[in-house]
Amino acid sequence: MEPDKPRRRSQPAAWQRGGRVSDVETVLGYMARATTQYPASQVSLGWLLANARRVQFVARHGADEVLGMTFGIHRRIEIPMVPWMGYVRGVPVPDPLIWMQAAAEWPQSLIGVQVATDDVRLSGLLAPLLTTGAQASGEAAVRSRIRTLREEVDRALDLYNAIRHIMEEEPQRAAELEAFLHMAEHDMKDLGRQLQALKAQLDGQEGGPA
């Protein structure tokens, strides 16, 4: 164990999978070419392309989704549709610039993107990337627990280091503090096991390393 080792900041699981990101960028690029007549869609797709690692295509928006967008892309002009709509915690936000301003409050959150389309090629590109609302909700719950566990690990590590520091500064208290040191070490190991189990669960849900 290396208590004083610098900590790495975590990133959303989707950020780690280069192959998936490339597929997402391909779909977003296709969508951009298909929506040139809709400024709101163009602005939003440009933003998503710059944040492709955070994009999660969904069949429907989950109840606990923080950030979301819906695109309507149809070749048949007689099909009524809304070209673009943004959502922040389920609240519709019709202006992409206002949505982006609000989204800045959650720089690590995934963005659920729902696409309604009659474009056969686009549907084919989307199919392998789609996540159902239930899956998205389950993954969000696992990620939330992972974040909580990481915070608990950080607190346990801080306590461990604080005790070690006191023991070095006041060696006469070593015997008194030894039990607390072991407790902090045990907590870190236990939390680490829970964290690894949840990361493995997330890998299974997403098909890639967390």
N, C-alpha and C. Protein backbone atom coordinates (compact mmCIF):
# COMPACT_ATOMS: atom_id res chain seq x y z
N MET A 1 0.84 -1.20 0.00
CA MET A 1 0.00 0.00 0.00
C MET A 1 0.88 1.25 0.00
N GLU A 2 0.48 2.24 -0.81
CA GLU A 2 1.25 3.48 -0.90
C GLU A 2 0.33 4.64 -0.55
N PRO A 3 0.18 4.95 0.74
CA PRO A 3 -0.79 5.95 1.18
C PRO A 3 -0.63 7.31 0.55
N ASP A 4 0.61 7.71 0.29
CA ASP A 4 0.84 9.07 -0.18
C ASP A 4 0.93 9.18 -1.69
N LYS A 5 0.59 8.09 -2.39
CA LYS A 5 0.67 8.11 -3.85
C LYS A 5 -0.37 9.08 -4.41
N PRO A 6 0.00 9.94 -5.38
CA PRO A 6 -0.96 10.90 -5.94
C PRO A 6 -2.18 10.19 -6.51
N ARG A 7 -3.33 10.80 -6.34
CA ARG A 7 -4.56 10.20 -6.81
C ARG A 7 -4.87 10.64 -8.23
N ARG A 8 -5.41 9.71 -8.99
CA ARG A 8 -5.85 10.03 -10.34
C ARG A 8 -7.31 10.40 -10.32
N ARG A 9 -7.67 11.43 -11.04
CA ARG A 9 -9.07 11.82 -11.12
C ARG A 9 -9.81 10.85 -12.03
N SER A 10 -10.99 10.46 -11.59
CA SER A 10 -11.77 9.51 -12.37
C SER A 10 -12.46 10.22 -13.52
N GLN A 11 -12.77 9.44 -14.56
CA GLN A 11 -13.50 9.95 -15.69
C GLN A 11 -14.64 9.00 -16.00
N PRO A 12 -15.69 9.49 -16.68
CA PRO A 12 -16.78 8.60 -17.02
C PRO A 12 -16.29 7.39 -17.79
N ALA A 13 -16.93 6.25 -17.55
CA ALA A 13 -16.48 5.02 -18.18
C ALA A 13 -16.44 5.13 -19.68
N ALA A 14 -17.41 5.83 -20.27
CA ALA A 14 -17.45 5.92 -21.72
C ALA A 14 -16.23 6.62 -22.29
N TRP A 15 -15.54 7.42 -21.48
CA TRP A 15 -14.36 8.15 -21.95
C TRP A 15 -13.20 7.21 -22.24
N GLN A 16 -13.26 6.00 -21.69
CA GLN A 16 -12.11 5.12 -21.77
C GLN A 16 -12.07 4.26 -23.03
N ARG A 17 -13.14 4.24 -23.82
CA ARG A 17 -13.23 3.27 -24.90
C ARG A 17 -13.08 3.96 -26.25
N GLY A 18 -11.86 3.96 -26.78
CA GLY A 18 -11.59 4.67 -28.02
C GLY A 18 -12.43 4.19 -29.18
N GLY A 19 -12.63 2.86 -29.30
CA GLY A 19 -13.41 2.32 -30.40
C GLY A 19 -14.83 2.81 -30.38
N ARG A 20 -15.44 2.81 -29.22
CA ARG A 20 -16.82 3.27 -29.09
C ARG A 20 -16.91 4.75 -29.44
N VAL A 21 -15.95 5.54 -28.99
CA VAL A 21 -15.96 6.97 -29.27
C VAL A 21 -15.91 7.22 -30.77
N SER A 22 -15.09 6.45 -31.48
CA SER A 22 -15.00 6.59 -32.93
C SER A 22 -16.35 6.31 -33.58
N ASP A 23 -17.06 5.28 -33.09
CA ASP A 23 -18.39 4.96 -33.64
C ASP A 23 -19.37 6.09 -33.35
N VAL A 24 -19.29 6.65 -32.15
CA VAL A 24 -20.17 7.76 -31.79
C VAL A 24 -19.91 8.95 -32.71
N GLU A 25 -18.65 9.25 -32.95
CA GLU A 25 -18.30 10.37 -33.82
C GLU A 25 -18.81 10.15 -35.24
N THR A 26 -18.77 8.90 -35.70
CA THR A 26 -19.29 8.59 -37.04
C THR A 26 -20.78 8.90 -37.12
N VAL A 27 -21.53 8.48 -36.09
CA VAL A 27 -22.97 8.73 -36.07
C VAL A 27 -23.26 10.23 -35.98
N LEU A 28 -22.55 10.92 -35.11
CA LEU A 28 -22.77 12.36 -34.97
C LEU A 28 -22.45 13.10 -36.27
N GLY A 29 -21.40 12.68 -36.94
CA GLY A 29 -21.05 13.31 -38.22
C GLY A 29 -22.13 13.10 -39.26
N TYR A 30 -22.68 11.89 -39.29
CA TYR A 30 -23.77 11.59 -40.23
C TYR A 30 -24.99 12.46 -39.90
N MET A 31 -25.30 12.56 -38.60
CA MET A 31 -26.43 13.39 -38.18
C MET A 31 -26.22 14.85 -38.57
N ALA A 32 -24.99 15.32 -38.43
CA ALA A 32 -24.70 16.72 -38.78
C ALA A 32 -24.95 16.97 -40.27
N ARG A 33 -24.56 16.01 -41.11
CA ARG A 33 -24.77 16.18 -42.55
C ARG A 33 -26.25 16.10 -42.92
N ALA A 34 -27.04 15.43 -42.08
CA ALA A 34 -28.47 15.27 -42.37
C ALA A 34 -29.33 16.39 -41.80
N THR A 35 -28.72 17.31 -41.06
CA THR A 35 -29.52 18.36 -40.39
C THR A 35 -29.02 19.76 -40.71
N THR A 36 -28.46 19.94 -41.88
CA THR A 36 -27.86 21.24 -42.21
C THR A 36 -28.89 22.37 -42.22
N GLN A 37 -30.18 22.04 -42.38
CA GLN A 37 -31.21 23.08 -42.43
C GLN A 37 -31.73 23.47 -41.06
N TYR A 38 -31.19 22.84 -39.99
CA TYR A 38 -31.68 23.11 -38.64
C TYR A 38 -30.54 23.65 -37.77
N PRO A 39 -30.48 24.96 -37.56
CA PRO A 39 -29.38 25.57 -36.80
C PRO A 39 -29.22 24.99 -35.39
N ALA A 40 -30.32 24.77 -34.68
CA ALA A 40 -30.22 24.25 -33.31
C ALA A 40 -29.56 22.88 -33.31
N SER A 41 -29.93 22.05 -34.27
CA SER A 41 -29.33 20.72 -34.36
C SER A 41 -27.84 20.82 -34.70
N GLN A 42 -27.50 21.72 -35.60
CA GLN A 42 -26.10 21.88 -35.99
C GLN A 42 -25.23 22.34 -34.82
N VAL A 43 -25.72 23.33 -34.09
CA VAL A 43 -24.97 23.82 -32.93
C VAL A 43 -24.79 22.70 -31.90
N SER A 44 -25.86 21.98 -31.65
CA SER A 44 -25.81 20.92 -30.64
C SER A 44 -24.90 19.77 -31.07
N LEU A 45 -24.96 19.41 -32.33
CA LEU A 45 -24.11 18.32 -32.82
C LEU A 45 -22.64 18.71 -32.80
N GLY A 46 -22.36 19.98 -33.08
CA GLY A 46 -20.98 20.44 -32.97
C GLY A 46 -20.46 20.30 -31.55
N TRP A 47 -21.32 20.64 -30.59
CA TRP A 47 -20.94 20.52 -29.18
C TRP A 47 -20.75 19.05 -28.80
N LEU A 48 -21.65 18.20 -29.27
CA LEU A 48 -21.53 16.77 -28.96
C LEU A 48 -20.28 16.16 -29.58
N LEU A 49 -19.93 16.58 -30.78
CA LEU A 49 -18.71 16.06 -31.41
C LEU A 49 -17.48 16.44 -30.59
N ALA A 50 -17.52 17.60 -29.97
CA ALA A 50 -16.40 18.02 -29.11
C ALA A 50 -16.41 17.28 -27.78
N ASN A 51 -17.52 16.63 -27.46
CA ASN A 51 -17.66 15.89 -26.20
C ASN A 51 -18.14 14.46 -26.45
N ALA A 52 -17.63 13.87 -27.53
CA ALA A 52 -18.14 12.57 -27.97
C ALA A 52 -17.99 11.47 -26.93
N ARG A 53 -16.98 11.58 -26.07
CA ARG A 53 -16.78 10.55 -25.06
C ARG A 53 -17.89 10.52 -24.01
N ARG A 54 -18.66 11.58 -23.96
CA ARG A 54 -19.75 11.65 -22.98
C ARG A 54 -21.10 11.25 -23.56
N VAL A 55 -21.14 11.00 -24.86
CA VAL A 55 -22.42 10.72 -25.53
C VAL A 55 -22.85 9.28 -25.30
N GLN A 56 -24.10 9.12 -24.93
CA GLN A 56 -24.69 7.79 -24.77
C GLN A 56 -26.03 7.79 -25.52
N PHE A 57 -26.08 7.08 -26.63
CA PHE A 57 -27.32 7.01 -27.39
C PHE A 57 -28.32 6.13 -26.64
N VAL A 58 -29.53 6.64 -26.49
CA VAL A 58 -30.54 5.92 -25.71
C VAL A 58 -31.81 5.72 -26.53
N ALA A 59 -32.49 4.61 -26.25
CA ALA A 59 -33.78 4.36 -26.89
C ALA A 59 -34.84 5.30 -26.33
N ARG A 60 -34.70 5.61 -25.04
CA ARG A 60 -35.57 6.59 -24.38
C ARG A 60 -34.81 7.18 -23.21
N HIS A 61 -35.18 8.38 -22.83
CA HIS A 61 -34.50 9.05 -21.74
C HIS A 61 -34.88 8.42 -20.40
N GLY A 62 -33.88 8.21 -19.53
CA GLY A 62 -34.13 7.64 -18.22
C GLY A 62 -34.65 8.69 -17.24
N ALA A 63 -35.36 8.22 -16.23
CA ALA A 63 -35.97 9.13 -15.25
C ALA A 63 -34.92 9.91 -14.47
N ASP A 64 -33.74 9.30 -14.25
CA ASP A 64 -32.71 9.98 -13.46
C ASP A 64 -31.60 10.56 -14.33
N GLU A 65 -31.87 10.70 -15.61
CA GLU A 65 -30.88 11.27 -16.53
C GLU A 65 -30.66 12.75 -16.21
N VAL A 66 -29.41 13.17 -16.16
CA VAL A 66 -29.10 14.56 -15.85
C VAL A 66 -29.15 15.43 -17.11
N LEU A 67 -28.45 14.99 -18.15
CA LEU A 67 -28.38 15.76 -19.39
C LEU A 67 -28.87 14.91 -20.56
N GLY A 68 -29.67 15.51 -21.42
CA GLY A 68 -30.17 14.76 -22.56
C GLY A 68 -30.50 15.66 -23.74
N MET A 69 -30.56 15.05 -24.91
CA MET A 69 -30.99 15.73 -26.13
C MET A 69 -31.82 14.76 -26.95
N THR A 70 -32.78 15.31 -27.68
CA THR A 70 -33.56 14.52 -28.63
C THR A 70 -33.45 15.17 -30.00
N PHE A 71 -33.16 14.36 -31.01
CA PHE A 71 -33.09 14.84 -32.39
C PHE A 71 -34.18 14.16 -33.21
N GLY A 72 -34.82 14.93 -34.08
CA GLY A 72 -35.75 14.38 -35.05
C GLY A 72 -35.15 14.53 -36.43
N ILE A 73 -34.83 13.40 -37.07
CA ILE A 73 -34.17 13.44 -38.38
C ILE A 73 -34.96 12.54 -39.32
N HIS A 74 -35.75 13.16 -40.20
CA HIS A 74 -36.61 12.39 -41.10
C HIS A 74 -36.42 12.85 -42.55
N ARG A 75 -36.39 11.88 -43.44
CA ARG A 75 -36.27 12.19 -44.86
C ARG A 75 -37.63 12.60 -45.44
N ARG A 76 -38.69 12.06 -44.88
CA ARG A 76 -40.04 12.39 -45.36
C ARG A 76 -40.52 13.66 -44.66
N ILE A 77 -40.65 14.73 -45.41
CA ILE A 77 -40.95 16.03 -44.81
C ILE A 77 -42.35 16.09 -44.23
N GLU A 78 -43.24 15.14 -44.63
CA GLU A 78 -44.60 15.19 -44.10
C GLU A 78 -44.69 14.65 -42.67
N ILE A 79 -43.61 14.04 -42.17
CA ILE A 79 -43.62 13.52 -40.81
C ILE A 79 -43.40 14.67 -39.84
N PRO A 80 -44.39 14.96 -38.96
CA PRO A 80 -44.22 16.06 -38.01
C PRO A 80 -43.11 15.73 -37.01
N MET A 81 -42.31 16.71 -36.68
CA MET A 81 -41.21 16.44 -35.76
C MET A 81 -40.69 17.74 -35.17
N VAL A 82 -40.02 17.60 -34.05
CA VAL A 82 -39.24 18.70 -33.47
C VAL A 82 -37.79 18.37 -33.77
N PRO A 83 -37.09 19.20 -34.53
CA PRO A 83 -35.72 18.85 -34.93
C PRO A 83 -34.77 18.63 -33.76
N TRP A 84 -34.94 19.42 -32.69
CA TRP A 84 -34.02 19.29 -31.55
C TRP A 84 -34.71 19.76 -30.27
N MET A 85 -34.41 19.06 -29.19
CA MET A 85 -34.84 19.50 -27.87
C MET A 85 -33.81 19.03 -26.85
N GLY A 86 -33.43 19.92 -25.96
CA GLY A 86 -32.51 19.56 -24.90
C GLY A 86 -33.26 19.33 -23.59
N TYR A 87 -32.63 18.58 -22.69
CA TYR A 87 -33.23 18.31 -21.38
C TYR A 87 -32.15 18.41 -20.31
N VAL A 88 -32.51 19.04 -19.22
CA VAL A 88 -31.64 19.10 -18.05
C VAL A 88 -32.45 18.61 -16.86
N ARG A 89 -32.07 17.46 -16.34
CA ARG A 89 -32.83 16.81 -15.26
C ARG A 89 -34.31 16.66 -15.63
N GLY A 90 -34.55 16.31 -16.88
CA GLY A 90 -35.91 16.06 -17.35
C GLY A 90 -36.67 17.29 -17.77
N VAL A 91 -36.12 18.47 -17.55
CA VAL A 91 -36.81 19.72 -17.91
C VAL A 91 -36.44 20.10 -19.35
N PRO A 92 -37.42 20.30 -20.24
CA PRO A 92 -37.11 20.67 -21.62
C PRO A 92 -36.41 22.03 -21.70
N VAL A 93 -35.38 22.09 -22.52
CA VAL A 93 -34.64 23.34 -22.75
C VAL A 93 -34.54 23.51 -24.26
N PRO A 94 -35.38 24.36 -24.87
CA PRO A 94 -35.45 24.44 -26.33
C PRO A 94 -34.31 25.21 -27.00
N ASP A 95 -33.50 25.90 -26.23
CA ASP A 95 -32.40 26.68 -26.80
C ASP A 95 -31.08 25.97 -26.52
N PRO A 96 -30.32 25.58 -27.56
CA PRO A 96 -29.08 24.84 -27.32
C PRO A 96 -28.03 25.63 -26.55
N LEU A 97 -27.99 26.94 -26.72
CA LEU A 97 -27.00 27.74 -26.00
C LEU A 97 -27.32 27.78 -24.50
N ILE A 98 -28.60 27.88 -24.18
CA ILE A 98 -29.00 27.84 -22.77
C ILE A 98 -28.71 26.46 -22.20
N TRP A 99 -28.98 25.41 -23.00
CA TRP A 99 -28.70 24.04 -22.56
C TRP A 99 -27.21 23.88 -22.24
N MET A 100 -26.35 24.38 -23.12
CA MET A 100 -24.90 24.25 -22.91
C MET A 100 -24.46 24.99 -21.65
N GLN A 101 -25.05 26.14 -21.43
CA GLN A 101 -24.72 26.90 -20.22
C GLN A 101 -25.11 26.11 -18.97
N ALA A 102 -26.29 25.50 -19.01
CA ALA A 102 -26.74 24.70 -17.87
C ALA A 102 -25.89 23.44 -17.72
N ALA A 103 -25.52 22.83 -18.85
CA ALA A 103 -24.75 21.58 -18.82
C ALA A 103 -23.36 21.76 -18.22
N ALA A 104 -22.87 22.99 -18.22
CA ALA A 104 -21.55 23.25 -17.64
C ALA A 104 -21.49 22.92 -16.16
N GLU A 105 -22.66 22.83 -15.52
CA GLU A 105 -22.70 22.48 -14.10
C GLU A 105 -22.38 21.01 -13.86
N TRP A 106 -22.46 20.19 -14.92
CA TRP A 106 -22.20 18.74 -14.79
C TRP A 106 -21.17 18.32 -15.84
N PRO A 107 -19.92 18.74 -15.69
CA PRO A 107 -18.91 18.49 -16.73
C PRO A 107 -18.52 17.03 -16.90
N GLN A 108 -18.89 16.17 -15.95
CA GLN A 108 -18.54 14.75 -16.05
C GLN A 108 -19.72 13.87 -16.43
N SER A 109 -20.92 14.43 -16.48
CA SER A 109 -22.11 13.62 -16.74
C SER A 109 -22.18 13.16 -18.19
N LEU A 110 -22.67 11.94 -18.37
CA LEU A 110 -22.95 11.47 -19.72
C LEU A 110 -24.17 12.21 -20.26
N ILE A 111 -24.27 12.27 -21.59
CA ILE A 111 -25.39 12.94 -22.24
C ILE A 111 -26.20 11.90 -22.99
N GLY A 112 -27.44 11.71 -22.55
CA GLY A 112 -28.31 10.77 -23.23
C GLY A 112 -28.86 11.40 -24.50
N VAL A 113 -28.59 10.77 -25.64
CA VAL A 113 -29.02 11.31 -26.94
C VAL A 113 -30.02 10.34 -27.57
N GLN A 114 -31.24 10.82 -27.74
CA GLN A 114 -32.30 10.03 -28.37
C GLN A 114 -32.51 10.55 -29.79
N VAL A 115 -32.60 9.64 -30.74
CA VAL A 115 -32.75 10.03 -32.14
C VAL A 115 -34.00 9.36 -32.72
N ALA A 116 -34.93 10.19 -33.20
CA ALA A 116 -36.10 9.68 -33.91
C ALA A 116 -35.84 9.88 -35.40
N THR A 117 -35.85 8.80 -36.16
CA THR A 117 -35.48 8.92 -37.57
C THR A 117 -36.14 7.85 -38.43
N ASP A 118 -36.35 8.18 -39.70
CA ASP A 118 -36.78 7.18 -40.67
C ASP A 118 -35.65 6.90 -41.67
N ASP A 119 -34.46 7.39 -41.35
CA ASP A 119 -33.28 7.18 -42.19
C ASP A 119 -32.72 5.79 -41.89
N VAL A 120 -32.81 4.91 -42.87
CA VAL A 120 -32.40 3.52 -42.66
C VAL A 120 -30.93 3.41 -42.31
N ARG A 121 -30.09 4.17 -42.98
CA ARG A 121 -28.65 4.09 -42.70
C ARG A 121 -28.35 4.59 -41.29
N LEU A 122 -28.97 5.69 -40.90
CA LEU A 122 -28.75 6.22 -39.56
C LEU A 122 -29.24 5.22 -38.51
N SER A 123 -30.39 4.62 -38.75
CA SER A 123 -30.90 3.62 -37.81
C SER A 123 -29.93 2.46 -37.65
N GLY A 124 -29.32 2.06 -38.77
CA GLY A 124 -28.35 0.97 -38.72
C GLY A 124 -27.09 1.34 -37.94
N LEU A 125 -26.66 2.59 -38.09
CA LEU A 125 -25.48 3.05 -37.35
C LEU A 125 -25.77 3.14 -35.85
N LEU A 126 -27.00 3.53 -35.53
CA LEU A 126 -27.37 3.72 -34.12
C LEU A 126 -27.59 2.40 -33.38
N ALA A 127 -28.12 1.41 -34.08
CA ALA A 127 -28.56 0.18 -33.43
C ALA A 127 -27.55 -0.42 -32.46
N PRO A 128 -26.28 -0.61 -32.85
CA PRO A 128 -25.35 -1.24 -31.90
C PRO A 128 -24.92 -0.34 -30.75
N LEU A 129 -25.27 0.93 -30.81
CA LEU A 129 -24.85 1.87 -29.77
C LEU A 129 -25.96 2.20 -28.78
N LEU A 130 -27.17 1.76 -29.09
CA LEU A 130 -28.32 2.15 -28.26
C LEU A 130 -28.29 1.50 -26.89
N THR A 131 -28.64 2.30 -25.90
CA THR A 131 -28.82 1.83 -24.53
C THR A 131 -30.26 2.10 -24.14
N THR A 132 -30.93 1.12 -23.55
CA THR A 132 -32.32 1.34 -23.13
C THR A 132 -32.36 2.25 -21.92
N GLY A 133 -33.51 2.82 -21.66
CA GLY A 133 -33.66 3.70 -20.50
C GLY A 133 -33.35 2.97 -19.21
N ALA A 134 -33.79 1.70 -19.12
CA ALA A 134 -33.55 0.92 -17.90
C ALA A 134 -32.06 0.68 -17.72
N GLN A 135 -31.37 0.36 -18.82
CA GLN A 135 -29.92 0.15 -18.73
C GLN A 135 -29.21 1.43 -18.31
N ALA A 136 -29.62 2.54 -18.91
CA ALA A 136 -28.99 3.82 -18.58
C ALA A 136 -29.20 4.15 -17.11
N SER A 137 -30.42 3.88 -16.61
CA SER A 137 -30.71 4.15 -15.21
C SER A 137 -29.86 3.28 -14.30
N GLY A 138 -29.73 1.99 -14.66
CA GLY A 138 -28.92 1.09 -13.86
C GLY A 138 -27.46 1.48 -13.86
N GLU A 139 -26.95 1.86 -15.03
CA GLU A 139 -25.55 2.27 -15.12
C GLU A 139 -25.31 3.55 -14.32
N ALA A 140 -26.28 4.47 -14.37
CA ALA A 140 -26.13 5.71 -13.62
C ALA A 140 -26.07 5.43 -12.12
N ALA A 141 -26.87 4.47 -11.67
CA ALA A 141 -26.86 4.12 -10.24
C ALA A 141 -25.51 3.52 -9.84
N VAL A 142 -24.96 2.66 -10.70
CA VAL A 142 -23.66 2.06 -10.41
C VAL A 142 -22.58 3.12 -10.39
N ARG A 143 -22.60 4.03 -11.36
CA ARG A 143 -21.60 5.10 -11.39
C ARG A 143 -21.69 5.99 -10.15
N SER A 144 -22.92 6.26 -9.73
CA SER A 144 -23.11 7.08 -8.53
C SER A 144 -22.49 6.40 -7.31
N ARG A 145 -22.71 5.09 -7.19
CA ARG A 145 -22.14 4.35 -6.06
C ARG A 145 -20.61 4.31 -6.15
N ILE A 146 -20.08 4.19 -7.37
CA ILE A 146 -18.63 4.20 -7.55
C ILE A 146 -18.05 5.54 -7.10
N ARG A 147 -18.71 6.63 -7.48
CA ARG A 147 -18.23 7.95 -7.05
C ARG A 147 -18.24 8.06 -5.53
N THR A 148 -19.32 7.55 -4.91
CA THR A 148 -19.42 7.60 -3.45
C THR A 148 -18.30 6.79 -2.80
N LEU A 149 -18.05 5.59 -3.34
CA LEU A 149 -17.00 4.74 -2.78
C LEU A 149 -15.63 5.39 -2.93
N ARG A 150 -15.39 6.03 -4.05
CA ARG A 150 -14.10 6.70 -4.24
C ARG A 150 -13.91 7.82 -3.22
N GLU A 151 -15.00 8.53 -2.93
CA GLU A 151 -14.92 9.58 -1.91
C GLU A 151 -14.62 8.97 -0.54
N GLU A 152 -15.25 7.82 -0.26
CA GLU A 152 -15.01 7.16 1.02
C GLU A 152 -13.57 6.64 1.10
N VAL A 153 -13.05 6.14 -0.01
CA VAL A 153 -11.65 5.70 -0.05
C VAL A 153 -10.73 6.88 0.23
N ASP A 154 -11.05 8.02 -0.37
CA ASP A 154 -10.23 9.22 -0.15
C ASP A 154 -10.23 9.62 1.33
N ARG A 155 -11.41 9.55 1.94
CA ARG A 155 -11.49 9.92 3.36
C ARG A 155 -10.71 8.93 4.23
N ALA A 156 -10.83 7.64 3.91
CA ALA A 156 -10.08 6.64 4.67
C ALA A 156 -8.58 6.83 4.48
N LEU A 157 -8.18 7.18 3.27
CA LEU A 157 -6.76 7.41 3.00
C LEU A 157 -6.26 8.64 3.75
N ASP A 158 -7.09 9.69 3.79
CA ASP A 158 -6.71 10.88 4.54
C ASP A 158 -6.53 10.56 6.02
N LEU A 159 -7.45 9.75 6.55
CA LEU A 159 -7.36 9.36 7.96
C LEU A 159 -6.10 8.54 8.20
N TYR A 160 -5.83 7.59 7.31
CA TYR A 160 -4.64 6.75 7.43
C TYR A 160 -3.38 7.61 7.46
N ASN A 161 -3.29 8.54 6.52
CA ASN A 161 -2.10 9.40 6.45
C ASN A 161 -1.98 10.30 7.67
N ALA A 162 -3.14 10.78 8.17
CA ALA A 162 -3.12 11.63 9.35
C ALA A 162 -2.60 10.86 10.57
N ILE A 163 -3.06 9.62 10.71
CA ILE A 163 -2.60 8.80 11.84
C ILE A 163 -1.11 8.51 11.71
N ARG A 164 -0.67 8.17 10.51
CA ARG A 164 0.75 7.92 10.30
C ARG A 164 1.59 9.14 10.66
N HIS A 165 1.09 10.31 10.28
CA HIS A 165 1.82 11.54 10.56
C HIS A 165 1.93 11.77 12.07
N ILE A 166 0.83 11.55 12.78
CA ILE A 166 0.85 11.72 14.24
C ILE A 166 1.83 10.74 14.87
N MET A 167 1.81 9.50 14.39
CA MET A 167 2.70 8.48 14.94
C MET A 167 4.17 8.84 14.72
N GLU A 168 4.45 9.47 13.58
CA GLU A 168 5.83 9.88 13.30
C GLU A 168 6.24 11.08 14.16
N GLU A 169 5.28 11.99 14.37
CA GLU A 169 5.57 13.18 15.16
C GLU A 169 5.56 12.89 16.66
N GLU A 170 4.73 11.94 17.07
CA GLU A 170 4.60 11.62 18.49
C GLU A 170 4.74 10.11 18.68
N PRO A 171 5.95 9.59 18.56
CA PRO A 171 6.15 8.14 18.64
C PRO A 171 5.66 7.52 19.94
N GLN A 172 5.57 8.31 20.99
CA GLN A 172 5.09 7.77 22.26
C GLN A 172 3.62 7.35 22.19
N ARG A 173 2.91 7.81 21.16
CA ARG A 173 1.49 7.46 21.01
C ARG A 173 1.28 6.33 20.01
N ALA A 174 2.35 5.74 19.54
CA ALA A 174 2.25 4.71 18.50
C ALA A 174 1.35 3.56 18.91
N ALA A 175 1.56 3.06 20.13
CA ALA A 175 0.75 1.93 20.59
C ALA A 175 -0.73 2.30 20.66
N GLU A 176 -0.99 3.51 21.11
CA GLU A 176 -2.37 3.99 21.23
C GLU A 176 -3.06 4.10 19.88
N LEU A 177 -2.29 4.51 18.86
CA LEU A 177 -2.88 4.78 17.54
C LEU A 177 -2.84 3.58 16.60
N GLU A 178 -2.12 2.55 16.97
CA GLU A 178 -1.95 1.39 16.09
C GLU A 178 -3.30 0.79 15.68
N ALA A 179 -4.21 0.67 16.64
CA ALA A 179 -5.52 0.07 16.34
C ALA A 179 -6.28 0.92 15.32
N PHE A 180 -6.21 2.25 15.46
CA PHE A 180 -6.90 3.12 14.52
C PHE A 180 -6.28 3.03 13.12
N LEU A 181 -4.96 2.86 13.10
CA LEU A 181 -4.28 2.71 11.81
C LEU A 181 -4.76 1.45 11.10
N HIS A 182 -4.87 0.36 11.84
CA HIS A 182 -5.34 -0.89 11.25
C HIS A 182 -6.79 -0.77 10.79
N MET A 183 -7.60 -0.04 11.55
CA MET A 183 -8.99 0.15 11.15
C MET A 183 -9.08 0.91 9.84
N ALA A 184 -8.29 1.97 9.71
CA ALA A 184 -8.30 2.75 8.47
C ALA A 184 -7.81 1.91 7.30
N GLU A 185 -6.79 1.11 7.55
CA GLU A 185 -6.26 0.25 6.49
C GLU A 185 -7.30 -0.80 6.08
N HIS A 186 -7.99 -1.36 7.06
CA HIS A 186 -9.03 -2.35 6.77
C HIS A 186 -10.16 -1.71 5.95
N ASP A 187 -10.54 -0.49 6.33
CA ASP A 187 -11.60 0.21 5.60
C ASP A 187 -11.21 0.43 4.15
N MET A 188 -9.96 0.83 3.92
CA MET A 188 -9.50 1.07 2.55
C MET A 188 -9.55 -0.20 1.72
N LYS A 189 -9.12 -1.31 2.32
CA LYS A 189 -9.14 -2.59 1.59
C LYS A 189 -10.57 -3.02 1.28
N ASP A 190 -11.46 -2.87 2.26
CA ASP A 190 -12.85 -3.27 2.06
C ASP A 190 -13.52 -2.40 1.00
N LEU A 191 -13.30 -1.10 1.08
CA LEU A 191 -13.87 -0.19 0.09
C LEU A 191 -13.29 -0.47 -1.30
N GLY A 192 -12.00 -0.80 -1.33
CA GLY A 192 -11.36 -1.13 -2.60
C GLY A 192 -11.99 -2.35 -3.25
N ARG A 193 -12.30 -3.37 -2.43
CA ARG A 193 -12.95 -4.57 -2.97
C ARG A 193 -14.34 -4.24 -3.52
N GLN A 194 -15.08 -3.42 -2.78
CA GLN A 194 -16.41 -3.03 -3.26
C GLN A 194 -16.30 -2.24 -4.57
N LEU A 195 -15.30 -1.38 -4.63
CA LEU A 195 -15.11 -0.55 -5.82
C LEU A 195 -14.78 -1.42 -7.03
N GLN A 196 -13.90 -2.39 -6.85
CA GLN A 196 -13.53 -3.27 -7.95
C GLN A 196 -14.73 -4.10 -8.42
N ALA A 197 -15.56 -4.54 -7.48
CA ALA A 197 -16.74 -5.32 -7.84
C ALA A 197 -17.72 -4.49 -8.67
N LEU A 198 -17.91 -3.24 -8.27
CA LEU A 198 -18.82 -2.37 -9.02
C LEU A 198 -18.25 -2.03 -10.39
N LYS A 199 -16.94 -1.82 -10.47
CA LYS A 199 -16.33 -1.54 -11.77
C LYS A 199 -16.47 -2.74 -12.69
N ALA A 200 -16.34 -3.95 -12.14
CA ALA A 200 -16.53 -5.15 -12.95
C ALA A 200 -17.98 -5.25 -13.43
N GLN A 201 -18.92 -4.88 -12.55
CA GLN A 201 -20.33 -4.88 -12.93
C GLN A 201 -20.59 -3.89 -14.05
N LEU A 202 -19.97 -2.71 -13.95
CA LEU A 202 -20.14 -1.70 -14.99
C LEU A 202 -19.53 -2.16 -16.30
N ASP A 203 -18.38 -2.84 -16.22
CA ASP A 203 -17.76 -3.39 -17.43
C ASP A 203 -18.71 -4.34 -18.13
N GLY A 204 -19.39 -5.17 -17.33
CA GLY A 204 -20.32 -6.14 -17.91
C GLY A 204 -21.51 -5.47 -18.57
N GLN A 205 -21.97 -4.36 -17.99
CA GLN A 205 -23.11 -3.65 -18.56
C GLN A 205 -22.74 -2.92 -19.83
N GLU A 206 -21.52 -2.38 -19.88
CA GLU A 206 -21.14 -1.51 -20.99
C GLU A 206 -20.28 -2.20 -22.03
N GLY A 207 -19.74 -3.36 -21.69
CA GLY A 207 -18.92 -4.08 -22.65
C GLY A 207 -17.54 -3.51 -22.84
N GLY A 208 -17.00 -2.83 -21.83
CA GLY A 208 -15.67 -2.24 -21.93
C GLY A 208 -15.14 -1.91 -20.57
N PRO A 209 -13.83 -1.61 -20.45
CA PRO A 209 -13.25 -1.31 -19.15
C PRO A 209 -13.75 -0.01 -18.59
N ALA A 210 -14.00 0.02 -17.26
CA ALA A 210 -14.47 1.25 -16.61
C ALA A 210 -13.31 2.18 -16.36
